[in-house]
């Protein structure tokens, strides 16, 4: 089995175990598997050939995954409000890194309909959180603004990344409603949050790999223009400007 296929299988197994643990209420298993999700996804991405390793966008994406992992791990290390603040702060940095990545890679203009749609969603969520957020309201507001900006710019990369932005917004909306609102109740809340979160991370990864033209595994050596001999190192794959539409 090739390296990237092994990482794909590892990620699928970790995600399946985590979602099953959420479904049956196995909290210890759910907590343990959650901190493995992002490392397994990162392995699946970085094991593929053709990545622009010196690209600011790739470094931004690596930073986003690092702080996503910190956000996943923080509530397992810190209890109560401290864990929540650490989680939100880490994902705030992660969303800022996603925003940088998508801004660098964007291929399409922002749609005002998308901007207005996300702003409307943010205003509604902020209104629902005002009463319960109390002293955390400034942090929640700042996170919401950065989240909306990242989700909006995700639509400028390509459709896959744009859909990932939608699901990230949905996942974080569910968290905010559960923590700050008095009226929200949903069966299997944690399962819904993690399903949308995992799907968002997968769509981001898949869309960025498509944008970078690196979704396939290692490429065969290419002939050297100078000698006609096979090069010892694979060259990054490239896609025409007509493939993909946004994110970075």
C-alpha atoms as a PDB file:
ATOM      1  CA  UNK A   1       0.000   0.000   0.000  1.00  0.00           C
ATOM      2  CA  UNK A   2       1.408   3.405  -0.981  1.00  0.00           C
ATOM      3  CA  UNK A   3       2.172   5.966   1.694  1.00  0.00           C
ATOM      4  CA  UNK A   4      -0.721   8.288   0.974  1.00  0.00           C
ATOM      5  CA  UNK A   5      -3.184   5.402   0.785  1.00  0.00           C
ATOM      6  CA  UNK A   6      -2.035   4.195   4.198  1.00  0.00           C
ATOM      7  CA  UNK A   7      -2.617   7.658   5.643  1.00  0.00           C
ATOM      8  CA  UNK A   8      -6.045   7.812   3.976  1.00  0.00           C
ATOM      9  CA  UNK A   9      -7.014   4.520   5.598  1.00  0.00           C
ATOM     10  CA  UNK A  10      -5.659   5.684   8.955  1.00  0.00           C
ATOM     11  CA  UNK A  11      -7.715   8.861   8.813  1.00  0.00           C
ATOM     12  CA  UNK A  12     -10.889   7.040   7.797  1.00  0.00           C
ATOM     13  CA  UNK A  13     -10.448   4.569  10.655  1.00  0.00           C
ATOM     14  CA  UNK A  14      -9.811   7.293  13.223  1.00  0.00           C
ATOM     15  CA  UNK A  15     -12.814   9.315  11.994  1.00  0.00           C
ATOM     16  CA  UNK A  16     -15.080   6.246  12.001  1.00  0.00           C
ATOM     17  CA  UNK A  17     -13.999   5.247  15.509  1.00  0.00           C
ATOM     18  CA  UNK A  18     -14.524   8.791  16.755  1.00  0.00           C
ATOM     19  CA  UNK A  19     -17.996   9.183  15.267  1.00  0.00           C
ATOM     20  CA  UNK A  20     -19.026   5.750  16.534  1.00  0.00           C
ATOM     21  CA  UNK A  21     -17.774   6.683  19.999  1.00  0.00           C
ATOM     22  CA  UNK A  22     -19.796   9.886  19.847  1.00  0.00           C
ATOM     23  CA  UNK A  23     -22.883   7.962  18.763  1.00  0.00           C
ATOM     24  CA  UNK A  24     -22.712   5.466  21.653  1.00  0.00           C
ATOM     25  CA  UNK A  25     -21.522   7.965  24.269  1.00  0.00           C
ATOM     26  CA  UNK A  26     -18.062   6.457  24.806  1.00  0.00           C
ATOM     27  CA  UNK A  27     -16.480   9.694  26.036  1.00  0.00           C
ATOM     28  CA  UNK A  28     -12.975   8.395  26.731  1.00  0.00           C
ATOM     29  CA  UNK A  29     -12.695   6.846  23.277  1.00  0.00           C
ATOM     30  CA  UNK A  30     -14.218   9.946  21.674  1.00  0.00           C
ATOM     31  CA  UNK A  31     -11.737  12.236  23.427  1.00  0.00           C
ATOM     32  CA  UNK A  32      -8.757  10.041  22.569  1.00  0.00           C
ATOM     33  CA  UNK A  33      -9.683   9.640  18.920  1.00  0.00           C
ATOM     34  CA  UNK A  34     -10.457  13.340  18.443  1.00  0.00           C
ATOM     35  CA  UNK A  35      -6.862  14.388  19.084  1.00  0.00           C
ATOM     36  CA  UNK A  36      -5.747  11.961  16.353  1.00  0.00           C
ATOM     37  CA  UNK A  37      -8.043  13.322  13.643  1.00  0.00           C
ATOM     38  CA  UNK A  38      -5.982  16.297  12.468  1.00  0.00           C
ATOM     39  CA  UNK A  39      -2.579  14.504  12.630  1.00  0.00           C
ATOM     40  CA  UNK A  40      -4.006  11.688  10.481  1.00  0.00           C
ATOM     41  CA  UNK A  41      -5.465  14.203   8.018  1.00  0.00           C
ATOM     42  CA  UNK A  42      -2.163  16.082   7.875  1.00  0.00           C
ATOM     43  CA  UNK A  43      -0.367  12.825   7.109  1.00  0.00           C
ATOM     44  CA  UNK A  44      -2.823  12.109   4.296  1.00  0.00           C
ATOM     45  CA  UNK A  45      -2.153  15.540   2.784  1.00  0.00           C
ATOM     46  CA  UNK A  46       1.615  15.732   3.184  1.00  0.00           C
ATOM     47  CA  UNK A  47       2.208  12.174   1.938  1.00  0.00           C
ATOM     48  CA  UNK A  48       1.078  13.216  -1.538  1.00  0.00           C
ATOM     49  CA  UNK A  49       3.414  14.354  -4.261  1.00  0.00           C
ATOM     50  CA  UNK A  50       3.157  17.657  -6.058  1.00  0.00           C
ATOM     51  CA  UNK A  51       2.673  19.909  -3.033  1.00  0.00           C
ATOM     52  CA  UNK A  52       4.248  23.369  -3.403  1.00  0.00           C
ATOM     53  CA  UNK A  53       6.367  22.980  -0.269  1.00  0.00           C
ATOM     54  CA  UNK A  54       7.728  26.537  -0.346  1.00  0.00           C
ATOM     55  CA  UNK A  55       4.315  28.095  -0.915  1.00  0.00           C
ATOM     56  CA  UNK A  56       2.979  30.632   1.639  1.00  0.00           C
ATOM     57  CA  UNK A  57      -0.436  29.036   1.148  1.00  0.00           C
ATOM     58  CA  UNK A  58       0.827  25.602   2.163  1.00  0.00           C
ATOM     59  CA  UNK A  59       2.539  27.061   5.217  1.00  0.00           C
ATOM     60  CA  UNK A  60      -0.677  28.860   6.099  1.00  0.00           C
ATOM     61  CA  UNK A  61      -2.626  25.616   5.768  1.00  0.00           C
ATOM     62  CA  UNK A  62      -0.079  23.795   7.957  1.00  0.00           C
ATOM     63  CA  UNK A  63      -0.536  26.501  10.587  1.00  0.00           C
ATOM     64  CA  UNK A  64      -4.321  26.124  10.341  1.00  0.00           C
ATOM     65  CA  UNK A  65      -4.089  22.385  10.934  1.00  0.00           C
ATOM     66  CA  UNK A  66      -1.692  22.850  13.855  1.00  0.00           C
ATOM     67  CA  UNK A  67      -4.042  25.223  15.644  1.00  0.00           C
ATOM     68  CA  UNK A  68      -7.044  23.057  14.753  1.00  0.00           C
ATOM     69  CA  UNK A  69      -5.272  20.220  16.555  1.00  0.00           C
ATOM     70  CA  UNK A  70      -4.554  22.475  19.536  1.00  0.00           C
ATOM     71  CA  UNK A  71      -8.220  23.457  19.583  1.00  0.00           C
ATOM     72  CA  UNK A  72      -9.252  19.795  19.549  1.00  0.00           C
ATOM     73  CA  UNK A  73      -6.845  18.945  22.360  1.00  0.00           C
ATOM     74  CA  UNK A  74      -7.359  21.969  24.621  1.00  0.00           C
ATOM     75  CA  UNK A  75     -10.634  20.858  26.289  1.00  0.00           C
ATOM     76  CA  UNK A  76      -8.998  17.488  27.072  1.00  0.00           C
ATOM     77  CA  UNK A  77      -6.196  19.235  28.964  1.00  0.00           C
ATOM     78  CA  UNK A  78      -7.990  22.209  30.543  1.00  0.00           C
ATOM     79  CA  UNK A  79     -11.324  21.946  32.325  1.00  0.00           C
ATOM     80  CA  UNK A  80     -14.343  24.241  32.299  1.00  0.00           C
ATOM     81  CA  UNK A  81     -14.177  27.800  30.988  1.00  0.00           C
ATOM     82  CA  UNK A  82     -10.400  27.679  30.605  1.00  0.00           C
ATOM     83  CA  UNK A  83     -10.686  24.771  28.175  1.00  0.00           C
ATOM     84  CA  UNK A  84     -13.414  26.521  26.191  1.00  0.00           C
ATOM     85  CA  UNK A  85     -11.462  29.780  25.954  1.00  0.00           C
ATOM     86  CA  UNK A  86      -8.334  27.886  24.895  1.00  0.00           C
ATOM     87  CA  UNK A  87     -10.325  25.990  22.261  1.00  0.00           C
ATOM     88  CA  UNK A  88     -11.937  29.125  20.816  1.00  0.00           C
ATOM     89  CA  UNK A  89      -8.617  30.999  20.849  1.00  0.00           C
ATOM     90  CA  UNK A  90      -6.836  28.170  19.026  1.00  0.00           C
ATOM     91  CA  UNK A  91      -9.540  27.913  16.388  1.00  0.00           C
ATOM     92  CA  UNK A  92      -9.491  31.697  16.034  1.00  0.00           C
ATOM     93  CA  UNK A  93      -5.844  31.433  14.962  1.00  0.00           C
ATOM     94  CA  UNK A  94      -6.702  28.428  12.775  1.00  0.00           C
ATOM     95  CA  UNK A  95      -9.430  30.369  10.975  1.00  0.00           C
ATOM     96  CA  UNK A  96      -7.062  33.299  10.469  1.00  0.00           C
ATOM     97  CA  UNK A  97      -4.576  30.881   8.878  1.00  0.00           C
ATOM     98  CA  UNK A  98      -7.314  29.411   6.675  1.00  0.00           C
ATOM     99  CA  UNK A  99      -8.198  32.963   5.646  1.00  0.00           C
ATOM    100  CA  UNK A 100      -4.595  33.685   4.637  1.00  0.00           C
ATOM    101  CA  UNK A 101      -4.410  30.408   2.720  1.00  0.00           C
ATOM    102  CA  UNK A 102      -7.636  31.037   0.832  1.00  0.00           C
ATOM    103  CA  UNK A 103      -6.686  34.640   0.093  1.00  0.00           C
ATOM    104  CA  UNK A 104      -3.420  33.527  -1.507  1.00  0.00           C
ATOM    105  CA  UNK A 105      -5.050  30.780  -3.564  1.00  0.00           C
ATOM    106  CA  UNK A 106      -8.240  32.522  -4.650  1.00  0.00           C
ATOM    107  CA  UNK A 107      -9.178  32.346  -8.303  1.00  0.00           C
ATOM    108  CA  UNK A 108     -12.612  33.912  -8.300  1.00  0.00           C
ATOM    109  CA  UNK A 109     -14.062  37.162  -7.049  1.00  0.00           C
ATOM    110  CA  UNK A 110     -16.094  37.335  -3.885  1.00  0.00           C
ATOM    111  CA  UNK A 111     -19.811  37.046  -4.470  1.00  0.00           C
ATOM    112  CA  UNK A 112     -21.844  39.671  -2.660  1.00  0.00           C
ATOM    113  CA  UNK A 113     -24.632  37.143  -2.236  1.00  0.00           C
ATOM    114  CA  UNK A 114     -22.223  34.883  -0.351  1.00  0.00           C
ATOM    115  CA  UNK A 115     -20.953  37.788   1.757  1.00  0.00           C
ATOM    116  CA  UNK A 116     -24.474  38.907   2.634  1.00  0.00           C
ATOM    117  CA  UNK A 117     -25.551  35.338   3.398  1.00  0.00           C
ATOM    118  CA  UNK A 118     -22.704  34.759   5.842  1.00  0.00           C
ATOM    119  CA  UNK A 119     -23.174  38.183   7.422  1.00  0.00           C
ATOM    120  CA  UNK A 120     -26.853  37.430   7.979  1.00  0.00           C
ATOM    121  CA  UNK A 121     -25.949  34.109   9.565  1.00  0.00           C
ATOM    122  CA  UNK A 122     -23.354  35.784  11.789  1.00  0.00           C
ATOM    123  CA  UNK A 123     -25.772  38.502  12.936  1.00  0.00           C
ATOM    124  CA  UNK A 124     -28.394  35.885  13.823  1.00  0.00           C
ATOM    125  CA  UNK A 125     -25.849  33.771  15.695  1.00  0.00           C
ATOM    126  CA  UNK A 126     -24.460  36.798  17.530  1.00  0.00           C
ATOM    127  CA  UNK A 127     -27.960  37.807  18.603  1.00  0.00           C
ATOM    128  CA  UNK A 128     -28.577  34.299  19.911  1.00  0.00           C
ATOM    129  CA  UNK A 129     -25.300  34.356  21.861  1.00  0.00           C
ATOM    130  CA  UNK A 130     -25.449  37.827  23.424  1.00  0.00           C
ATOM    131  CA  UNK A 131     -27.250  36.855  26.610  1.00  0.00           C
ATOM    132  CA  UNK A 132     -25.310  33.698  27.379  1.00  0.00           C
ATOM    133  CA  UNK A 133     -21.824  34.758  26.306  1.00  0.00           C
ATOM    134  CA  UNK A 134     -21.410  37.439  29.002  1.00  0.00           C
ATOM    135  CA  UNK A 135     -17.696  38.234  29.436  1.00  0.00           C
ATOM    136  CA  UNK A 136     -16.801  35.966  26.516  1.00  0.00           C
ATOM    137  CA  UNK A 137     -18.825  38.036  24.051  1.00  0.00           C
ATOM    138  CA  UNK A 138     -15.823  39.990  22.637  1.00  0.00           C
ATOM    139  CA  UNK A 139     -13.932  36.745  21.967  1.00  0.00           C
ATOM    140  CA  UNK A 140     -17.017  35.149  20.438  1.00  0.00           C
ATOM    141  CA  UNK A 141     -17.603  38.216  18.243  1.00  0.00           C
ATOM    142  CA  UNK A 142     -13.994  38.286  17.047  1.00  0.00           C
ATOM    143  CA  UNK A 143     -14.058  34.574  16.292  1.00  0.00           C
ATOM    144  CA  UNK A 144     -17.315  34.955  14.390  1.00  0.00           C
ATOM    145  CA  UNK A 145     -15.916  37.733  12.206  1.00  0.00           C
ATOM    146  CA  UNK A 146     -12.800  35.725  11.322  1.00  0.00           C
ATOM    147  CA  UNK A 147     -14.864  32.563  10.752  1.00  0.00           C
ATOM    148  CA  UNK A 148     -17.184  34.403   8.357  1.00  0.00           C
ATOM    149  CA  UNK A 149     -14.233  35.934   6.515  1.00  0.00           C
ATOM    150  CA  UNK A 150     -12.544  32.531   6.109  1.00  0.00           C
ATOM    151  CA  UNK A 151     -15.763  30.840   4.984  1.00  0.00           C
ATOM    152  CA  UNK A 152     -16.436  33.641   2.519  1.00  0.00           C
ATOM    153  CA  UNK A 153     -12.956  33.511   0.979  1.00  0.00           C
ATOM    154  CA  UNK A 154     -13.206  29.701   0.824  1.00  0.00           C
ATOM    155  CA  UNK A 155     -15.748  30.156  -1.957  1.00  0.00           C
ATOM    156  CA  UNK A 156     -13.138  31.929  -4.085  1.00  0.00           C
ATOM    157  CA  UNK A 157     -10.840  28.889  -4.258  1.00  0.00           C
ATOM    158  CA  UNK A 158     -13.136  26.199  -5.621  1.00  0.00           C
ATOM    159  CA  UNK A 159     -16.508  24.627  -4.903  1.00  0.00           C
ATOM    160  CA  UNK A 160     -15.102  21.892  -2.670  1.00  0.00           C
ATOM    161  CA  UNK A 161     -13.311  24.335  -0.370  1.00  0.00           C
ATOM    162  CA  UNK A 162     -16.387  26.566  -0.379  1.00  0.00           C
ATOM    163  CA  UNK A 163     -18.562  23.686   0.834  1.00  0.00           C
ATOM    164  CA  UNK A 164     -16.009  23.035   3.555  1.00  0.00           C
ATOM    165  CA  UNK A 165     -16.435  26.622   4.709  1.00  0.00           C
ATOM    166  CA  UNK A 166     -20.200  26.147   4.929  1.00  0.00           C
ATOM    167  CA  UNK A 167     -19.836  23.039   7.089  1.00  0.00           C
ATOM    168  CA  UNK A 168     -17.257  24.694   9.354  1.00  0.00           C
ATOM    169  CA  UNK A 169     -19.709  27.542   9.904  1.00  0.00           C
ATOM    170  CA  UNK A 170     -22.508  25.061  10.662  1.00  0.00           C
ATOM    171  CA  UNK A 171     -20.346  23.121  13.126  1.00  0.00           C
ATOM    172  CA  UNK A 172     -19.291  26.241  15.022  1.00  0.00           C
ATOM    173  CA  UNK A 173     -22.850  27.567  14.984  1.00  0.00           C
ATOM    174  CA  UNK A 174     -24.030  24.397  16.718  1.00  0.00           C
ATOM    175  CA  UNK A 175     -21.334  24.787  19.371  1.00  0.00           C
ATOM    176  CA  UNK A 176     -22.244  28.429  20.011  1.00  0.00           C
ATOM    177  CA  UNK A 177     -25.952  27.663  20.283  1.00  0.00           C
ATOM    178  CA  UNK A 178     -25.352  24.797  22.691  1.00  0.00           C
ATOM    179  CA  UNK A 179     -23.055  26.841  24.936  1.00  0.00           C
ATOM    180  CA  UNK A 180     -24.715  30.263  24.864  1.00  0.00           C
ATOM    181  CA  UNK A 181     -28.413  29.887  24.054  1.00  0.00           C
ATOM    182  CA  UNK A 182     -31.132  28.751  26.432  1.00  0.00           C
ATOM    183  CA  UNK A 183     -33.523  27.398  23.802  1.00  0.00           C
ATOM    184  CA  UNK A 184     -31.275  25.191  21.679  1.00  0.00           C
ATOM    185  CA  UNK A 185     -31.679  21.444  22.092  1.00  0.00           C
ATOM    186  CA  UNK A 186     -30.574  18.820  19.603  1.00  0.00           C
ATOM    187  CA  UNK A 187     -30.342  15.066  19.975  1.00  0.00           C
ATOM    188  CA  UNK A 188     -26.859  13.743  19.277  1.00  0.00           C
ATOM    189  CA  UNK A 189     -25.461  17.282  19.424  1.00  0.00           C
ATOM    190  CA  UNK A 190     -21.821  16.195  19.760  1.00  0.00           C
ATOM    191  CA  UNK A 191     -22.209  13.763  16.873  1.00  0.00           C
ATOM    192  CA  UNK A 192     -23.630  16.515  14.648  1.00  0.00           C
ATOM    193  CA  UNK A 193     -20.830  18.909  15.599  1.00  0.00           C
ATOM    194  CA  UNK A 194     -18.076  16.412  14.905  1.00  0.00           C
ATOM    195  CA  UNK A 195     -19.630  15.073  11.695  1.00  0.00           C
ATOM    196  CA  UNK A 196     -19.809  18.556  10.185  1.00  0.00           C
ATOM    197  CA  UNK A 197     -16.348  19.467  11.531  1.00  0.00           C
ATOM    198  CA  UNK A 198     -14.676  16.361  10.111  1.00  0.00           C
ATOM    199  CA  UNK A 199     -16.451  16.811   6.787  1.00  0.00           C
ATOM    200  CA  UNK A 200     -15.315  20.455   6.668  1.00  0.00           C
ATOM    201  CA  UNK A 201     -11.677  19.522   7.290  1.00  0.00           C
ATOM    202  CA  UNK A 202     -11.849  16.786   4.641  1.00  0.00           C
ATOM    203  CA  UNK A 203     -13.378  19.154   2.083  1.00  0.00           C
ATOM    204  CA  UNK A 204     -10.735  21.786   2.810  1.00  0.00           C
ATOM    205  CA  UNK A 205      -7.991  19.203   2.305  1.00  0.00           C
ATOM    206  CA  UNK A 206      -9.535  17.740  -0.852  1.00  0.00           C
ATOM    207  CA  UNK A 207     -10.223  21.151  -2.372  1.00  0.00           C
ATOM    208  CA  UNK A 208      -6.736  22.453  -1.637  1.00  0.00           C
ATOM    209  CA  UNK A 209      -5.129  19.316  -3.047  1.00  0.00           C
ATOM    210  CA  UNK A 210      -7.213  19.783  -6.185  1.00  0.00           C
ATOM    211  CA  UNK A 211      -6.127  23.412  -6.337  1.00  0.00           C
ATOM    212  CA  UNK A 212      -2.491  22.375  -5.987  1.00  0.00           C
ATOM    213  CA  UNK A 213      -2.916  19.519  -8.463  1.00  0.00           C
ATOM    214  CA  UNK A 214      -1.574  17.069  -5.876  1.00  0.00           C
ATOM    215  CA  UNK A 215      -4.509  14.762  -5.250  1.00  0.00           C
ATOM    216  CA  UNK A 216      -2.801  11.844  -6.936  1.00  0.00           C
ATOM    217  CA  UNK A 217      -0.004   9.937  -5.298  1.00  0.00           C
ATOM    218  CA  UNK A 218       3.708  10.084  -6.175  1.00  0.00           C
ATOM    219  CA  UNK A 219       4.303  10.909  -9.822  1.00  0.00           C
ATOM    220  CA  UNK A 220       6.741   9.045 -12.099  1.00  0.00           C
ATOM    221  CA  UNK A 221      10.099  10.719 -12.788  1.00  0.00           C
ATOM    222  CA  UNK A 222      10.030  13.187 -15.671  1.00  0.00           C
ATOM    223  CA  UNK A 223      12.684  13.363 -18.413  1.00  0.00           C
ATOM    224  CA  UNK A 224      15.278  16.063 -17.867  1.00  0.00           C
ATOM    225  CA  UNK A 225      15.007  18.776 -20.554  1.00  0.00           C
ATOM    226  CA  UNK A 226      18.790  18.990 -20.766  1.00  0.00           C
ATOM    227  CA  UNK A 227      19.770  15.331 -21.014  1.00  0.00           C
ATOM    228  CA  UNK A 228      16.570  13.430 -21.763  1.00  0.00           C
ATOM    229  CA  UNK A 229      17.391  11.147 -18.832  1.00  0.00           C
ATOM    230  CA  UNK A 230      14.929  10.415 -16.064  1.00  0.00           C
ATOM    231  CA  UNK A 231      15.134  12.771 -13.093  1.00  0.00           C
ATOM    232  CA  UNK A 232      15.648  11.231  -9.680  1.00  0.00           C
ATOM    233  CA  UNK A 233      13.020  13.520  -8.150  1.00  0.00           C
ATOM    234  CA  UNK A 234       9.377  13.792  -9.239  1.00  0.00           C
ATOM    235  CA  UNK A 235       8.334  17.221 -10.459  1.00  0.00           C
ATOM    236  CA  UNK A 236       5.227  18.799  -8.923  1.00  0.00           C
ATOM    237  CA  UNK A 237       2.151  18.243 -11.011  1.00  0.00           C
ATOM    238  CA  UNK A 238       0.541  21.345 -12.492  1.00  0.00           C
ATOM    239  CA  UNK A 239      -2.972  22.148 -13.539  1.00  0.00           C
ATOM    240  CA  UNK A 240      -4.198  24.636 -16.093  1.00  0.00           C
ATOM    241  CA  UNK A 241      -5.685  27.876 -14.911  1.00  0.00           C
ATOM    242  CA  UNK A 242      -9.107  26.649 -15.922  1.00  0.00           C
ATOM    243  CA  UNK A 243      -9.198  23.953 -13.230  1.00  0.00           C
ATOM    244  CA  UNK A 244     -10.562  25.069  -9.865  1.00  0.00           C
ATOM    245  CA  UNK A 245     -12.210  28.363  -9.125  1.00  0.00           C
ATOM    246  CA  UNK A 246     -11.207  29.673  -5.720  1.00  0.00           C
ATOM    247  CA  UNK A 247      -9.628  29.348  -2.217  1.00  0.00           C
ATOM    248  CA  UNK A 248      -6.256  30.734  -2.347  1.00  0.00           C
END
